[in-house]
Amino acid sequence: MLVASAFVIAIGYGLVSPVLPAYARSFDVGVAAASTVVSAFAFFRLVFAPAGGALVSRLGERPVYLTGLLVVAASSLATAFAQSYVQLLVLRGVGGIGSTMFTVSAMALLVRLAPPTIRGRVSSAYASSFLLGGMLGPVVGGALAGFGLRVPFVVYAVALLVAASVVGLRLSSASLRPSEDGPPPPPMKVREALGDAAYRAALASAFANGWCNFGVRAAVLPQFAVAVHDATWVAGVSLALAAAGTAAALQVAGRVADRVGRRPLVLTGLVVTAAGLGAIGLSGDLLVLLVLSAVSGLGAGLVNPGQQATVADVVGTARGGGPVLGVFQMAQDSGAILGPILVGVVADRLGFGWAFGATALISLLAVLPWLAAPETLHRARAVGGSARG
């Protein structure tokens, strides 16, 4: 249910992403103001992440997940009927709050429900569902925009209501409780998690992953493609190949994370990401650009399952740790917000070569804490073995 719901959510988000800037401009504002509306969603996701994690620990994963979906649905529906730029900005920010609620609670649900020894595969399935939905959504959203810029927001709200209804009916609260006898142990606190080198490494790679793959690749790579090759279709193909590379890597990354280990997968992914994005700024040839875009996508697909499985191993199935997962989400969102801004400044002053070089450096710096981190797969195997016993 969570994987299917992720697909619906991602399609819905993709519906509005291509029309949101144009919708904002319809209120007679400039490019900067339109971009601010796009950033407001990510900003409110970031600032509300600690509160979202606390709500998961206090109220439970299921009610926070469903409430988050309903908040985003209400925000999207209200956005469709916004009468001013200020209303649009506020309503998109409220949607970011709901997005954090269902994102953090979904992570907590996956930690609780996924058998420990297949966490990598579960993370891959969940990420693949989001990726496929995100690829299909903009295509449908662009078609719906022909009926009016407000229509995709209404359809998004309906899709979220459907997802909330299905999840609410199919996931009973009883199935989310630990199976062990006796009172459950207290949720893990952030301070305790920070004492684990594996969790600290996961925060570093989450920040780098957000910076490189959710930030720079999405915002700066298209601008570079258009600037060098003077054709907007090149930007679209580059992003499509990067997404295809991520999808291909996810098909095998989960199995590798569960059989070989989380640590080697994340290390390899960070290095591949650095190689792909770092060299893009020096590429003037179209074929080289497209190949490197696909390589950067492969790196993203390798990083995600390993780092999410590591966080799940640290938290553990029985304990849960909403705030711990919230901080992890904050690290990734911080990178996604800061990356395009700072790399954009570097590109304006020094050129795209230096900009993508700085991006590669961020990815390589995240390698260092992983070199000192322990492998957590043995924890999952020990828990799985004790559960079977």
Protein backbone atom coordinates (compact mmCIF):
# COMPACT_ATOMS: atom_id res chain seq x y z
CA MET A 1 0.00 0.00 0.00
CA LEU A 2 2.81 2.42 0.80
CA VAL A 3 4.58 1.72 -2.49
CA ALA A 4 1.37 2.12 -4.49
CA SER A 5 0.54 5.29 -2.59
CA ALA A 6 4.01 6.69 -3.30
CA PHE A 7 3.38 6.20 -7.02
CA VAL A 8 0.11 8.13 -6.84
CA ILE A 9 1.68 10.91 -4.75
CA ALA A 10 4.61 11.27 -7.14
CA ILE A 11 2.34 11.42 -10.18
CA GLY A 12 0.32 14.12 -8.45
CA TYR A 13 3.39 16.15 -7.56
CA GLY A 14 4.56 15.82 -11.16
CA LEU A 15 1.20 17.09 -12.37
CA VAL A 16 1.70 20.51 -10.78
CA SER A 17 5.46 20.94 -11.12
CA PRO A 18 5.51 22.01 -14.79
CA VAL A 19 2.61 24.47 -14.43
CA LEU A 20 3.36 26.03 -11.03
CA PRO A 21 5.82 28.71 -12.28
CA ALA A 22 3.43 29.76 -15.05
CA TYR A 23 0.52 29.77 -12.61
CA ALA A 24 2.50 32.05 -10.29
CA ARG A 25 3.38 34.37 -13.18
CA SER A 26 -0.33 34.68 -13.97
CA PHE A 27 -0.60 36.90 -10.87
CA ASP A 28 1.64 39.49 -12.60
CA VAL A 29 4.83 38.73 -10.68
CA GLY A 30 8.37 38.33 -11.93
CA VAL A 31 10.61 35.32 -12.33
CA ALA A 32 12.08 35.65 -8.84
CA ALA A 33 8.65 35.71 -7.21
CA ALA A 34 7.53 32.71 -9.26
CA SER A 35 10.65 30.82 -8.20
CA THR A 36 9.94 31.69 -4.58
CA VAL A 37 6.62 29.85 -4.80
CA VAL A 38 8.48 26.75 -5.96
CA SER A 39 11.01 27.09 -3.14
CA ALA A 40 8.36 27.72 -0.47
CA PHE A 41 7.24 24.09 -0.61
CA ALA A 42 10.79 22.82 0.00
CA PHE A 43 11.48 25.45 2.67
CA PHE A 44 8.46 24.52 4.76
CA ARG A 45 9.33 20.84 4.39
CA LEU A 46 12.70 21.66 5.90
CA VAL A 47 11.59 23.79 8.84
CA PHE A 48 8.72 21.49 9.81
CA ALA A 49 10.74 18.26 9.72
CA PRO A 50 11.60 18.27 13.48
CA ALA A 51 7.95 18.82 14.41
CA GLY A 52 6.89 16.12 11.95
CA GLY A 53 9.25 13.64 13.55
CA ALA A 54 7.96 14.52 17.02
CA LEU A 55 4.38 14.01 15.88
CA VAL A 56 5.23 10.54 14.58
CA SER A 57 6.69 9.57 17.95
CA ARG A 58 3.74 10.97 19.88
CA LEU A 59 0.75 10.07 17.69
CA GLY A 60 2.02 7.16 15.61
CA GLU A 61 2.96 6.73 11.97
CA ARG A 62 -0.44 5.97 10.47
CA PRO A 63 -2.43 9.04 11.67
CA VAL A 64 0.42 11.42 10.84
CA TYR A 65 0.79 9.86 7.37
CA LEU A 66 -2.92 10.19 6.62
CA THR A 67 -3.11 13.70 8.06
CA GLY A 68 -0.15 14.75 5.93
CA LEU A 69 -1.84 13.47 2.78
CA LEU A 70 -5.05 15.31 3.66
CA VAL A 71 -3.17 18.55 4.40
CA VAL A 72 -1.44 18.47 1.01
CA ALA A 73 -4.74 17.59 -0.69
CA ALA A 74 -6.47 20.55 0.95
CA SER A 75 -3.54 22.80 0.11
CA SER A 76 -3.56 21.73 -3.54
CA LEU A 77 -7.31 22.18 -3.89
CA ALA A 78 -7.15 25.63 -2.27
CA THR A 79 -4.21 26.54 -4.49
CA ALA A 80 -6.36 25.91 -7.53
CA PHE A 81 -8.67 28.69 -6.36
CA ALA A 82 -6.04 31.15 -5.09
CA GLN A 83 -7.00 34.75 -5.80
CA SER A 84 -3.63 36.42 -5.22
CA TYR A 85 0.08 35.73 -5.23
CA VAL A 86 0.24 35.92 -1.43
CA GLN A 87 -2.48 33.30 -1.11
CA LEU A 88 -0.64 31.06 -3.56
CA LEU A 89 2.60 31.42 -1.62
CA VAL A 90 0.98 30.63 1.74
CA LEU A 91 -0.98 27.67 0.43
CA ARG A 92 2.09 26.09 -1.16
CA GLY A 93 3.93 26.51 2.12
CA VAL A 94 1.14 24.69 3.96
CA GLY A 95 1.48 21.91 1.42
CA GLY A 96 5.15 21.59 2.34
CA ILE A 97 4.16 21.02 5.97
CA GLY A 98 1.84 18.19 4.97
CA SER A 99 4.50 16.75 2.68
CA THR A 100 6.94 16.50 5.57
CA MET A 101 4.33 14.76 7.68
CA PHE A 102 3.68 11.96 5.23
CA THR A 103 7.32 11.67 4.13
CA VAL A 104 8.72 11.20 7.65
CA SER A 105 5.86 8.93 8.71
CA ALA A 106 6.26 6.83 5.55
CA MET A 107 9.93 6.33 6.39
CA ALA A 108 8.94 5.33 9.92
CA LEU A 109 6.34 2.90 8.58
CA LEU A 110 8.87 1.29 6.28
CA VAL A 111 11.29 0.90 9.18
CA ARG A 112 8.58 -0.72 11.28
CA LEU A 113 6.96 -2.93 8.64
CA ALA A 114 9.89 -4.06 6.47
CA PRO A 115 11.62 -7.25 7.60
CA PRO A 116 15.12 -6.17 8.65
CA THR A 117 16.97 -8.36 6.13
CA ILE A 118 15.16 -6.92 3.08
CA ARG A 119 15.25 -3.24 3.99
CA GLY A 120 17.42 -2.41 0.99
CA ARG A 121 14.95 -4.00 -1.42
CA VAL A 122 12.01 -2.30 0.27
CA SER A 123 13.76 1.08 0.00
CA SER A 124 14.46 0.39 -3.69
CA ALA A 125 10.83 -0.50 -4.38
CA TYR A 126 9.60 2.63 -2.62
CA ALA A 127 12.11 4.89 -4.39
CA SER A 128 11.37 3.27 -7.76
CA SER A 129 7.68 3.90 -7.30
CA PHE A 130 8.31 7.57 -6.55
CA LEU A 131 10.68 7.87 -9.50
CA LEU A 132 8.28 6.30 -12.02
CA GLY A 133 5.43 8.45 -10.77
CA GLY A 134 7.62 11.52 -10.96
CA MET A 135 8.52 10.72 -14.57
CA LEU A 136 4.90 10.17 -15.63
CA GLY A 137 3.40 13.10 -13.71
CA PRO A 138 4.87 16.01 -15.73
CA VAL A 139 3.71 14.41 -18.98
CA VAL A 140 0.12 14.17 -17.72
CA GLY A 141 0.37 17.58 -16.04
CA GLY A 142 1.47 19.23 -19.26
CA ALA A 143 -1.53 17.73 -21.06
CA LEU A 144 -3.95 18.80 -18.30
CA ALA A 145 -2.59 22.34 -18.44
CA GLY A 146 -4.29 22.68 -21.80
CA PHE A 147 -7.59 22.77 -19.90
CA GLY A 148 -6.33 25.53 -17.62
CA LEU A 149 -3.47 26.11 -15.18
CA ARG A 150 -5.71 25.38 -12.18
CA VAL A 151 -6.84 21.94 -13.35
CA PRO A 152 -3.67 19.97 -12.39
CA PHE A 153 -3.98 21.18 -8.78
CA VAL A 154 -7.54 19.85 -8.55
CA VAL A 155 -6.50 16.50 -10.02
CA TYR A 156 -3.56 16.34 -7.59
CA ALA A 157 -5.92 16.90 -4.65
CA VAL A 158 -8.21 14.11 -5.85
CA ALA A 159 -5.25 11.74 -6.30
CA LEU A 160 -4.12 12.41 -2.73
CA LEU A 161 -7.61 11.79 -1.37
CA VAL A 162 -7.68 8.46 -3.19
CA ALA A 163 -4.28 7.53 -1.77
CA ALA A 164 -5.32 8.52 1.76
CA SER A 165 -8.53 6.51 1.50
CA VAL A 166 -6.80 3.36 0.28
CA VAL A 167 -4.02 3.52 2.87
CA GLY A 168 -6.45 4.33 5.65
CA LEU A 169 -8.58 1.29 4.82
CA ARG A 170 -5.80 -1.20 4.14
CA LEU A 171 -3.29 -0.37 6.89
CA SER A 172 -4.83 -1.17 10.24
CA SER A 173 -3.24 0.36 13.31
CA ALA A 174 -2.84 -3.08 14.89
CA SER A 175 -0.50 -4.21 12.12
CA LEU A 176 1.89 -1.38 12.93
CA ARG A 177 2.59 -2.40 16.51
CA PRO A 178 5.74 -4.26 17.53
CA SER A 179 5.26 -8.02 17.78
CA GLU A 180 7.39 -8.44 20.89
CA ASP A 181 5.73 -9.18 24.21
CA GLY A 182 5.78 -6.57 26.93
CA PRO A 183 5.87 -2.77 26.64
CA PRO A 184 7.76 -1.42 23.62
CA PRO A 185 11.11 0.27 24.24
CA PRO A 186 11.14 4.09 24.18
CA PRO A 187 11.68 5.74 20.77
CA MET A 188 15.27 6.51 19.86
CA LYS A 189 16.31 10.10 20.53
CA VAL A 190 18.34 12.20 18.10
CA ARG A 191 21.22 12.53 20.57
CA GLU A 192 21.46 8.76 20.86
CA ALA A 193 21.40 8.33 17.07
CA LEU A 194 24.12 10.96 16.61
CA GLY A 195 26.37 8.81 18.77
CA ASP A 196 26.29 6.17 16.03
CA ALA A 197 28.90 6.73 13.31
CA ALA A 198 26.67 5.00 10.73
CA TYR A 199 23.86 7.51 11.35
CA ARG A 200 26.24 10.45 11.08
CA ALA A 201 27.50 9.06 7.78
CA ALA A 202 23.92 8.69 6.55
CA LEU A 203 23.27 12.36 7.36
CA ALA A 204 26.32 13.35 5.32
CA SER A 205 25.31 11.29 2.31
CA ALA A 206 21.70 12.49 2.59
CA PHE A 207 22.91 16.10 2.43
CA ALA A 208 25.15 15.31 -0.53
CA ASN A 209 22.40 13.35 -2.27
CA GLY A 210 19.97 16.23 -1.83
CA TRP A 211 22.58 18.74 -3.04
CA CYS A 212 23.68 16.75 -6.08
CA ASN A 213 20.63 14.84 -7.27
CA PHE A 214 17.57 16.69 -6.00
CA GLY A 215 19.10 20.14 -6.23
CA VAL A 216 21.87 20.71 -8.76
CA ARG A 217 20.84 17.99 -11.20
CA ALA A 218 17.25 19.22 -11.28
CA ALA A 219 17.93 22.97 -11.35
CA VAL A 220 21.42 23.62 -12.76
CA LEU A 221 21.92 20.76 -15.22
CA PRO A 222 19.03 21.89 -17.47
CA GLN A 223 20.43 25.43 -17.57
CA PHE A 224 23.86 24.13 -18.52
CA ALA A 225 22.39 21.93 -21.25
CA VAL A 226 20.52 24.84 -22.80
CA ALA A 227 23.46 27.27 -22.44
CA VAL A 228 25.94 24.94 -24.16
CA HIS A 229 23.74 23.32 -26.80
CA ASP A 230 21.13 26.09 -27.26
CA ALA A 231 18.23 23.64 -27.36
CA THR A 232 15.66 23.03 -24.66
CA TRP A 233 15.12 19.43 -25.74
CA VAL A 234 18.68 18.64 -24.62
CA ALA A 235 17.75 19.60 -21.05
CA GLY A 236 14.74 17.31 -21.11
CA VAL A 237 16.66 14.37 -22.53
CA SER A 238 19.48 14.85 -20.01
CA LEU A 239 17.06 14.73 -17.08
CA ALA A 240 15.25 11.75 -18.60
CA LEU A 241 18.50 9.81 -18.97
CA ALA A 242 19.49 10.66 -15.40
CA ALA A 243 16.14 9.34 -14.18
CA ALA A 244 16.58 6.21 -16.31
CA GLY A 245 20.01 5.66 -14.77
CA THR A 246 18.54 5.98 -11.28
CA ALA A 247 15.73 3.55 -12.13
CA ALA A 248 18.21 1.01 -13.53
CA ALA A 249 20.45 1.20 -10.45
CA LEU A 250 17.53 0.84 -8.05
CA GLN A 251 16.64 -2.52 -9.59
CA VAL A 252 19.85 -4.07 -8.27
CA ALA A 253 20.92 -1.73 -5.47
CA GLY A 254 18.39 -3.02 -2.96
CA ARG A 255 19.50 -6.64 -3.38
CA VAL A 256 23.16 -5.66 -3.09
CA ALA A 257 22.45 -3.66 0.08
CA ASP A 258 20.78 -6.69 1.66
CA ARG A 259 23.37 -9.27 0.55
CA VAL A 260 26.71 -7.46 0.49
CA GLY A 261 26.16 -4.48 2.76
CA ARG A 262 24.91 -0.92 2.94
CA ARG A 263 28.31 0.76 3.25
CA PRO A 264 30.00 -0.33 -0.02
CA LEU A 265 26.88 0.57 -1.98
CA VAL A 266 26.73 4.12 -0.61
CA LEU A 267 30.47 4.64 -1.07
CA THR A 268 30.27 3.52 -4.68
CA GLY A 269 27.21 5.68 -5.32
CA LEU A 270 28.83 8.82 -3.93
CA VAL A 271 31.94 8.34 -6.07
CA VAL A 272 29.88 7.61 -9.20
CA THR A 273 27.76 10.69 -8.54
CA ALA A 274 30.88 12.83 -8.18
CA ALA A 275 32.36 11.43 -11.39
CA GLY A 276 29.18 11.95 -13.39
CA LEU A 277 28.29 15.46 -12.23
CA GLY A 278 31.86 16.67 -11.82
CA ALA A 279 32.76 16.00 -15.43
CA ILE A 280 29.54 17.41 -16.90
CA GLY A 281 30.73 20.99 -16.53
CA LEU A 282 33.74 20.23 -18.75
CA SER A 283 31.76 18.47 -21.48
CA GLY A 284 31.03 20.34 -24.68
CA ASP A 285 30.00 17.30 -26.68
CA LEU A 286 26.33 16.36 -26.69
CA LEU A 287 26.90 12.60 -26.48
CA VAL A 288 29.28 13.05 -23.53
CA LEU A 289 26.71 15.20 -21.74
CA LEU A 290 24.00 12.58 -22.17
CA VAL A 291 26.25 9.72 -21.03
CA LEU A 292 27.40 11.64 -17.95
CA SER A 293 23.80 12.50 -17.10
CA ALA A 294 22.96 8.80 -17.07
CA VAL A 295 26.06 8.09 -14.94
CA SER A 296 25.01 10.68 -12.36
CA GLY A 297 21.61 8.99 -12.21
CA LEU A 298 23.26 5.63 -11.56
CA GLY A 299 25.07 7.14 -8.60
CA ALA A 300 21.82 8.41 -7.10
CA GLY A 301 20.22 5.00 -7.48
CA LEU A 302 23.10 3.36 -5.65
CA VAL A 303 23.15 5.80 -2.72
CA ASN A 304 19.49 5.86 -1.75
CA PRO A 305 18.73 2.23 -0.73
CA GLY A 306 21.95 1.82 1.23
CA GLN A 307 21.64 4.99 3.28
CA GLN A 308 17.94 4.49 4.04
CA ALA A 309 18.55 0.89 5.08
CA THR A 310 21.37 2.09 7.33
CA VAL A 311 19.10 4.58 9.10
CA ALA A 312 16.51 1.84 9.54
CA ASP A 313 19.17 -0.48 11.00
CA VAL A 314 20.20 2.22 13.47
CA VAL A 315 16.65 2.99 14.58
CA GLY A 316 15.46 -0.62 14.73
CA THR A 317 12.03 -2.08 14.09
CA ALA A 318 10.61 -2.04 17.62
CA ARG A 319 11.83 1.32 18.88
CA GLY A 320 10.93 3.73 16.13
CA GLY A 321 12.35 7.22 16.05
CA GLY A 322 10.33 9.93 14.37
CA PRO A 323 12.71 12.77 15.29
CA VAL A 324 15.70 10.70 14.13
CA LEU A 325 14.04 10.19 10.75
CA GLY A 326 13.01 13.85 10.68
CA VAL A 327 16.63 14.98 11.04
CA PHE A 328 17.64 12.61 8.25
CA GLN A 329 14.97 14.15 6.01
CA MET A 330 16.15 17.63 7.01
CA ALA A 331 19.68 16.82 5.91
CA GLN A 332 18.48 15.82 2.45
CA ASP A 333 16.14 18.79 2.08
CA SER A 334 18.89 21.18 3.21
CA GLY A 335 21.16 19.94 0.45
CA ALA A 336 18.36 20.21 -2.12
CA ILE A 337 17.69 23.83 -1.14
CA LEU A 338 21.25 25.08 -0.69
CA GLY A 339 22.80 23.25 -3.64
CA PRO A 340 21.13 25.09 -6.54
CA ILE A 341 21.55 28.47 -4.86
CA LEU A 342 25.24 28.22 -4.00
CA VAL A 343 26.21 26.35 -7.15
CA GLY A 344 24.26 28.91 -9.16
CA VAL A 345 26.38 31.67 -7.62
CA VAL A 346 29.55 29.79 -8.52
CA ALA A 347 28.30 29.28 -12.08
CA ASP A 348 27.53 32.99 -12.48
CA ARG A 349 30.95 34.07 -11.24
CA LEU A 350 33.31 31.31 -12.33
CA GLY A 351 31.44 29.25 -14.91
CA PHE A 352 29.72 25.88 -15.07
CA GLY A 353 32.99 23.94 -14.89
CA TRP A 354 33.72 25.21 -11.38
CA ALA A 355 30.05 24.87 -10.40
CA PHE A 356 29.86 21.17 -11.21
CA GLY A 357 33.33 20.68 -9.76
CA ALA A 358 32.08 22.06 -6.44
CA THR A 359 29.13 19.68 -6.65
CA ALA A 360 31.48 16.73 -7.10
CA LEU A 361 33.47 17.90 -4.08
CA ILE A 362 30.34 17.83 -1.90
CA SER A 363 29.70 14.23 -2.93
CA LEU A 364 33.31 13.20 -2.28
CA LEU A 365 33.35 14.87 1.14
CA ALA A 366 30.40 12.68 2.12
CA VAL A 367 32.62 9.66 1.46
CA LEU A 368 34.84 10.47 4.46
CA PRO A 369 32.36 9.72 7.28
CA TRP A 370 31.33 6.52 5.49
CA LEU A 371 34.95 5.33 5.50
CA ALA A 372 34.87 5.52 9.29
CA ALA A 373 31.33 4.13 9.69
CA PRO A 374 30.60 0.51 10.62
CA GLU A 375 28.56 -1.79 8.41
CA THR A 376 25.04 -2.12 9.83
CA LEU A 377 23.85 -5.13 7.83
CA HIS A 378 24.88 -7.44 10.66
CA ARG A 379 22.37 -5.65 12.91
CA ALA A 380 19.56 -6.40 10.49
CA ARG A 381 20.61 -10.03 10.21
CA ALA A 382 20.84 -10.40 13.98
CA VAL A 383 17.38 -8.92 14.46
CA GLY A 384 15.96 -11.04 11.65
CA GLY A 385 17.52 -14.17 13.12
CA SER A 386 16.21 -13.47 16.61
CA ALA A 387 12.74 -12.77 15.21
CA ARG A 388 12.69 -16.11 13.41
CA GLY A 389 13.92 -17.84 16.55
